């Protein structure tokens, strides 16, 4: 559960807004933060009063020996209570556990009060200290347990310092109250106040539980590629992060205890009167917590933003190291009690201020990338077991060294060594924190070859080959193919005779990869008799590719009347020997056949086998383009090394009908097409052609291709830059190119700054929404640039994370980026991702990038740069908002630097079109299918939609026809029929046949025009081709289709029939 928007609260006053902005609170978080602040305030008053009371009594009773004993006894008591808490954490709801913990704290406070009243011995003093430590532990576990599940990673980083600062003024007030205590009996008054504070905190906790779901759902652990030891799995929830955090906290607790002990003992040595001791200790504590409160509220968040997590963690041990090193020097210079007191007072104050204001909030943030159960378990183990261990070790060392004055002088060196270890542990902790962030935003499932399965599983899987369920058998074949191919080879003869076609198909596929001898008899039987054409073709292929095959044995297959058998045999023979005379002759006969189906089969074989000797044949098909074989010929040409064919394909890239097919063919080209692509680029200004060139270069994994893509990425036309950056995702990073990409990063940040300022001053809502879309595209370009500068897998995971619907994954992704990329880039991405008001977004960017001073309005900038920066829809909105004469002049200026999209022209995209492109976009936008799709995306779809007209009674498609298109009605009505039964009737703005965009299946009903109808048809092939060039179109449309299908399923649930076309 994370803090969401609180719509019930009134808008805060300007003063409250300034205060919230200063401390990093967003308006929707104000009430939640207030509850946690007050809750921690009350807990802080209670614990500090008991703390002062316990130490005041201990300082009366030989503190040099009683304090170490109290530390050890407290450690034992805390470990026992921590284990009890861990047990109930797994058996109670977190909300119930928190309530019971605070009730236990109330009871413990009463027990401490009784000890104060009746006990005046050292044992009683030690017991009181143990009681305080247990109360401190329970309140800490309760408070941070609740906050850990209410706030996500990003919120915790901003807000933990704020909510935890609630105990700072409380402790300062408590210390002042303690200064008024002048006798042992008056300590009881402190405990009464503490008891009242704990009871009040119970009430605040009830309010918090009512307003938030305080629950840690037990989900399966995330898949990890790192195998952990049994110790890590059993004791630390399978997380090395928790392991190193626990060791770090234990070491820190030991050092902190030593500093606290030195402070108290030196106070006791300097002030012998008990009243003076309590007064001085209270004064120092009040000053410490007062300074810590100011630093925590106003400076810690800024310090964390400036220094980052890693350096913020290391500040505390370096402060302690410097302090203890100074102590070594001080011991050499003087032994004056007053000087030592002042020194330890300053060290204690500085150490506690840094610890409370910076280290503790940051350290607790490190738990947040873990799953909720891991998070709570880790915090409980660290605070309830390892921190007490550190306390106990410190007590033991202090007692042991104090008992031997000869070696007591070595104590500072011991602690310096411990702090050196702490620095190393914290560095390891930070590294594993980044690993956890990466895992938190990465894939939820591992690939098949990453799954570790024991060898004993092989026999069980082999047994599944005899299952009557074909799915079980095919799954077993897949596992054996990966893990035990020898056993699978022995099972091939039996599997090839299986009754299920799917099992035989999977077996034949596996047999093509195995090194085991091919069982010829069952394979021949399948080739000649199987009812499935695909199985006959695959079996004939396996027979043809055998090295030991007799030509006489293959001749019947190569000349078989069944073209599927012939196709498979040709493929097998020519794959083994591309110049086999019998195979070449059989293939030549197919190329010369009069049947287009056989010609298409021949072209497929030529391309698949890369038979360059058949280049003249492919050229003939390309020039004649008869029988609808042009696309097949282009795909075959792309697989050959012939430069003439490659040039022919490059020339076709600008074709409206064949351009996408030519681009797809060139993606797999075996020829050296890069010089041809560079030549085409230098001779054109068409952005569509340049984008296709960039996509093709992305499949050519050579240094020359990368350099060419780098050049394209530096173009001012952002359509070209975006395509080049997407193509560069396939290439590894090159440090030599970093400077160029950092320059691109700067350009993109400046553009984001400009557009955001434009959205703040723009009054046209439609233009603002369009500019918001431009920012989403810009965000993708930013990620693509970052991919070239940092670890590509990490950036890819962060890209997926920031777009994930789960708030926690978005927070983890942003946190990972915060630890990886420059601050100004991170802040820009955060602004583009987070749901903030526009004024706040602009304020953040102004603070990071500097004030925006360009006087040019956003509309003027759009008209000046046109489609080189913005989408056609955004430019069209601005053109339509100005007088026609100015719009025509602007179009002329824009056309000088780039080819205008049809949407921006005064005429339709085709001479036969009756629906203008702008109206097409509006028509699609008003359909429920595309209601959530930005108009900018729809403007990319309309050019590939074909216009069709039908008269009343005309059949658009029949039931059983193959569905390959979606239809949107512009005018008229269409009836959906099943026989004579009308299932539905659609009118203007309605659509039908949408599932055909996802899968080619037979139509389940007939569509017939009721009256004169004009339709827009979107073909599946055109749609898929567009998806390859425009990834954002794919995401948007699939999201819309998925939502449409989901709503239909909800509406039709329980109905006996459904309308599906």
Foldseek 3Di string as FASTA:
>chain_A
DEQDADPVDDDDDPVVVVLCVLLVHDPRCVVVLVLLLLLLLLLLLLLLLLVLLLLLLCLVAPVLQLVLVLLQLLLVLLLVVLVVLLVVPVVDFLLVSLLVLLVVLLVLLVVLLVLLVPPNHSVSSSVSSSSSSNSVLSSVLSSLLQVLVHHFLQCLLSRVLPSNLSSLQSSLVSLVVLLPDQDSVCSSVSSVSSSVSSVVSSVSSVVSVVVDPRGADDDDFFDDLDDDDPCCVPQQVVAVLLVLLLQLLLLVLLLLSVLVSLLLVLLCVVDVRSSSSSNVVSVLSSVLSVLLSCCQRRPQSVVCLVVPLLVLQLPLLVLSLVLLVVVLVVVVPDDDSVVSNVSSSVSNSVNSSSCSRGNVSSSLSLLNLGRSVSSSSSVSCRSSNRSSNSSSVSSVVSNVLVVPVVCVSCVSVVSSVSSVVSSVSSVVSVVSSLVSLLSSLDDRDDDPLSDDDDPVCLVVLVVQCPDPDLVSNLVSLVVCLNPPVPVLLVCLVVQLPDPDPVSNVSSLVSVVVDPRDDPLVSLVCQLPPPPDLVSVLSSLLVQQQDPPHDPVNLLCQCPPPSVSSNLSNLLNNCLNPVVDPSSVVSLVCLCPDPDVVSVLSSLVSCQVSQNQVCVVSLVVCCVVVPPVCNLSSLLSLQSYQDVVSLLVLLVCLPPPVCNLSSLVSVLNHPHPCVVVLVVVVVVDLALSSLLSSLQSLLSVADPVSLVVLLVQLLDLQVLSVLSSLVSCLSYAADVVCLVSLVVVLVVLLVVLLQLLVQLVPDDDPLLNVQSLVLLVSSLVSNLSSVCNVDPVSLSVSLVSQLPDPDPNSNSSSLSSVSNPDDSLSSLSNCLSRDDDDSVVSSVSNCVSVNDDDDPDHPLNVCLQCPNSRGFLVSVLVSLVVDDVVVSVVSVVNVVVNYPHDQLSDPDAPDPPDPARLVNQLVLQCLALLQVVPRSSLVSLQSVQWDKDKDAAFDWPDAFFDWQFKKKAWQAAKKFWADVPDTPDMDGRSYIASVCNLVPTDTFHTIIGTRHITMIIIGGNVVVVSVCSSPVVSVVSNVVSVVVVVVVQCVVCVPPPDDDHD
